[in-house]
């Protein structure tokens, strides 16, 4: 979603990659086989979201953009 109140906007983007360990992969395999949800992967996804949000905020500040993060 793009929200702007100016005549132009400068897009910013960020990517974050987090590796998993063999133990979390094994645990997720059991969850896939028997059903349920992987709390290990959920925690990793939350960490990725946190990191990418911080990166986007830093990049917005670097170009002196005004931002609002809910």
N, C-alpha and C. Protein backbone atom coordinates (compact mmCIF):
# COMPACT_ATOMS: atom_id res chain seq x y z
N UNK A 1 0.85 -1.16 0.00
CA UNK A 1 0.00 0.00 0.00
C UNK A 1 0.90 1.23 0.00
N UNK A 2 0.56 2.18 -0.82
CA UNK A 2 1.29 3.44 -0.88
C UNK A 2 0.35 4.54 -0.40
N UNK A 3 0.83 5.32 0.53
CA UNK A 3 0.07 6.46 1.04
C UNK A 3 0.97 7.66 0.99
N UNK A 4 0.55 8.68 0.24
CA UNK A 4 1.38 9.87 0.12
C UNK A 4 0.49 11.11 0.03
N UNK A 5 1.03 12.20 0.50
CA UNK A 5 0.31 13.47 0.40
C UNK A 5 1.14 14.49 -0.37
N UNK A 6 2.10 14.00 -1.13
CA UNK A 6 2.96 14.88 -1.92
C UNK A 6 2.78 14.58 -3.40
N UNK A 7 3.41 15.42 -4.22
CA UNK A 7 3.32 15.21 -5.66
C UNK A 7 4.21 14.07 -6.14
N UNK A 8 5.21 13.72 -5.37
CA UNK A 8 6.10 12.62 -5.75
C UNK A 8 6.42 11.78 -4.53
N UNK A 9 6.86 10.60 -4.77
CA UNK A 9 7.24 9.72 -3.66
C UNK A 9 8.47 8.92 -4.06
N UNK A 10 9.30 8.64 -3.11
CA UNK A 10 10.48 7.82 -3.32
C UNK A 10 10.25 6.47 -2.66
N UNK A 11 10.19 5.42 -3.44
CA UNK A 11 9.94 4.11 -2.83
C UNK A 11 11.17 3.61 -2.08
N UNK A 12 10.92 2.94 -1.00
CA UNK A 12 11.99 2.26 -0.27
C UNK A 12 11.58 0.79 -0.15
N UNK A 13 12.55 -0.06 -0.07
CA UNK A 13 12.28 -1.49 0.04
C UNK A 13 13.34 -2.12 0.92
N UNK A 14 13.03 -3.27 1.46
CA UNK A 14 13.98 -4.00 2.29
C UNK A 14 13.70 -5.50 2.19
N UNK A 15 14.74 -6.27 2.27
CA UNK A 15 14.64 -7.73 2.29
C UNK A 15 15.41 -8.24 3.49
N UNK A 16 14.88 -9.28 4.11
CA UNK A 16 15.55 -9.91 5.24
C UNK A 16 15.49 -11.42 5.04
N UNK A 17 16.61 -12.07 5.26
CA UNK A 17 16.68 -13.53 5.16
C UNK A 17 17.19 -14.06 6.48
N UNK A 18 16.47 -15.02 7.03
CA UNK A 18 16.88 -15.66 8.27
C UNK A 18 16.98 -17.16 7.99
N UNK A 19 18.11 -17.73 8.30
CA UNK A 19 18.30 -19.16 8.11
C UNK A 19 17.67 -19.96 9.25
N UNK A 20 17.39 -21.20 8.96
CA UNK A 20 16.88 -22.09 9.99
C UNK A 20 17.92 -23.15 10.31
N UNK A 21 17.80 -23.70 11.47
CA UNK A 21 18.73 -24.76 11.85
C UNK A 21 18.13 -26.11 11.47
N UNK A 22 18.96 -27.11 11.45
CA UNK A 22 18.50 -28.45 11.12
C UNK A 22 17.46 -28.92 12.14
N UNK A 23 17.59 -28.49 13.39
CA UNK A 23 16.65 -28.91 14.43
C UNK A 23 15.27 -28.30 14.22
N UNK A 24 15.23 -27.04 13.81
CA UNK A 24 13.92 -26.42 13.56
C UNK A 24 13.29 -27.03 12.32
N UNK A 25 14.11 -27.40 11.32
CA UNK A 25 13.57 -28.06 10.13
C UNK A 25 12.99 -29.43 10.47
N UNK A 26 13.68 -30.17 11.32
CA UNK A 26 13.17 -31.49 11.73
C UNK A 26 11.86 -31.33 12.49
N UNK A 27 11.83 -30.37 13.42
CA UNK A 27 10.59 -30.13 14.17
C UNK A 27 9.44 -29.73 13.26
N UNK A 28 9.73 -28.88 12.28
CA UNK A 28 8.69 -28.47 11.35
C UNK A 28 8.21 -29.63 10.49
N UNK A 29 9.11 -30.56 10.18
CA UNK A 29 8.72 -31.73 9.40
C UNK A 29 7.71 -32.58 10.16
N UNK A 30 7.92 -32.72 11.47
CA UNK A 30 6.95 -33.46 12.28
C UNK A 30 5.60 -32.74 12.31
N UNK A 31 5.65 -31.44 12.44
CA UNK A 31 4.41 -30.66 12.45
C UNK A 31 3.69 -30.80 11.12
N UNK A 32 4.44 -30.76 10.01
CA UNK A 32 3.84 -30.94 8.69
C UNK A 32 3.18 -32.32 8.57
N UNK A 33 3.85 -33.33 9.09
CA UNK A 33 3.35 -34.69 8.96
C UNK A 33 2.13 -34.93 9.84
N UNK A 34 2.19 -34.49 11.10
CA UNK A 34 1.11 -34.76 12.04
C UNK A 34 0.07 -33.66 12.11
N UNK A 35 0.37 -32.50 11.57
CA UNK A 35 -0.56 -31.38 11.61
C UNK A 35 -0.23 -30.43 12.75
N UNK A 36 -0.75 -29.25 12.66
CA UNK A 36 -0.51 -28.24 13.68
C UNK A 36 0.25 -27.07 13.10
N UNK A 37 0.84 -26.27 13.96
CA UNK A 37 1.62 -25.12 13.48
C UNK A 37 2.97 -25.11 14.18
N UNK A 38 3.94 -24.60 13.48
CA UNK A 38 5.31 -24.58 13.98
C UNK A 38 5.57 -23.27 14.71
N UNK A 39 5.69 -23.34 16.02
CA UNK A 39 5.99 -22.13 16.79
C UNK A 39 7.39 -21.62 16.50
N UNK A 40 8.31 -22.53 16.16
CA UNK A 40 9.67 -22.11 15.81
C UNK A 40 9.65 -21.23 14.58
N UNK A 41 8.94 -21.65 13.55
CA UNK A 41 8.85 -20.85 12.33
C UNK A 41 8.07 -19.57 12.57
N UNK A 42 7.05 -19.63 13.41
CA UNK A 42 6.30 -18.41 13.72
C UNK A 42 7.21 -17.37 14.38
N UNK A 43 8.04 -17.81 15.30
CA UNK A 43 8.98 -16.89 15.96
C UNK A 43 9.97 -16.32 14.96
N UNK A 44 10.44 -17.14 14.03
CA UNK A 44 11.37 -16.65 13.01
C UNK A 44 10.69 -15.64 12.09
N UNK A 45 9.44 -15.87 11.74
CA UNK A 45 8.71 -14.92 10.91
C UNK A 45 8.50 -13.61 11.65
N UNK A 46 8.21 -13.67 12.94
CA UNK A 46 8.07 -12.45 13.72
C UNK A 46 9.38 -11.68 13.77
N UNK A 47 10.50 -12.38 13.90
CA UNK A 47 11.81 -11.74 13.90
C UNK A 47 12.11 -11.09 12.55
N UNK A 48 11.77 -11.77 11.46
CA UNK A 48 11.97 -11.20 10.13
C UNK A 48 11.14 -9.93 9.97
N UNK A 49 9.89 -9.96 10.40
CA UNK A 49 9.03 -8.78 10.30
C UNK A 49 9.61 -7.62 11.09
N UNK A 50 10.09 -7.91 12.28
CA UNK A 50 10.69 -6.88 13.13
C UNK A 50 11.92 -6.27 12.45
N UNK A 51 12.78 -7.11 11.90
CA UNK A 51 14.00 -6.63 11.25
C UNK A 51 13.70 -5.80 10.00
N UNK A 52 12.76 -6.27 9.19
CA UNK A 52 12.46 -5.53 7.96
C UNK A 52 11.76 -4.21 8.27
N UNK A 53 10.95 -4.19 9.31
CA UNK A 53 10.30 -2.95 9.72
C UNK A 53 11.34 -1.93 10.17
N UNK A 54 12.30 -2.37 10.97
CA UNK A 54 13.37 -1.48 11.42
C UNK A 54 14.21 -0.98 10.25
N UNK A 55 14.50 -1.86 9.31
CA UNK A 55 15.28 -1.46 8.14
C UNK A 55 14.53 -0.41 7.32
N UNK A 56 13.23 -0.62 7.13
CA UNK A 56 12.43 0.35 6.38
C UNK A 56 12.38 1.70 7.09
N UNK A 57 12.25 1.69 8.40
CA UNK A 57 12.24 2.93 9.17
C UNK A 57 13.55 3.67 9.01
N UNK A 58 14.67 2.94 9.09
CA UNK A 58 15.98 3.56 8.94
C UNK A 58 16.16 4.15 7.55
N UNK A 59 15.71 3.44 6.53
CA UNK A 59 15.84 3.94 5.16
C UNK A 59 14.94 5.15 4.93
N UNK A 60 13.78 5.16 5.54
CA UNK A 60 12.89 6.32 5.41
C UNK A 60 13.52 7.53 6.09
N UNK A 61 14.12 7.33 7.25
CA UNK A 61 14.78 8.43 7.94
C UNK A 61 15.97 8.94 7.14
N UNK A 62 16.67 8.04 6.46
CA UNK A 62 17.85 8.42 5.69
C UNK A 62 17.50 9.37 4.54
N UNK A 63 16.30 9.23 3.99
CA UNK A 63 15.88 10.13 2.91
C UNK A 63 14.94 11.21 3.44
N UNK A 64 14.92 11.33 4.76
CA UNK A 64 14.10 12.34 5.44
C UNK A 64 12.62 12.25 5.09
N UNK A 65 12.15 11.05 5.00
CA UNK A 65 10.74 10.83 4.72
C UNK A 65 9.95 10.86 6.02
N UNK A 66 8.75 11.31 5.94
CA UNK A 66 7.85 11.25 7.09
C UNK A 66 7.12 9.92 6.98
N UNK A 67 7.05 9.22 8.06
CA UNK A 67 6.37 7.93 8.03
C UNK A 67 5.55 7.75 9.29
N UNK A 68 4.57 6.90 9.18
CA UNK A 68 3.76 6.51 10.32
C UNK A 68 3.67 5.00 10.31
N UNK A 69 4.11 4.39 11.38
CA UNK A 69 4.07 2.95 11.49
C UNK A 69 3.15 2.57 12.62
N UNK A 70 2.09 1.87 12.29
CA UNK A 70 1.12 1.46 13.31
C UNK A 70 1.60 0.24 14.05
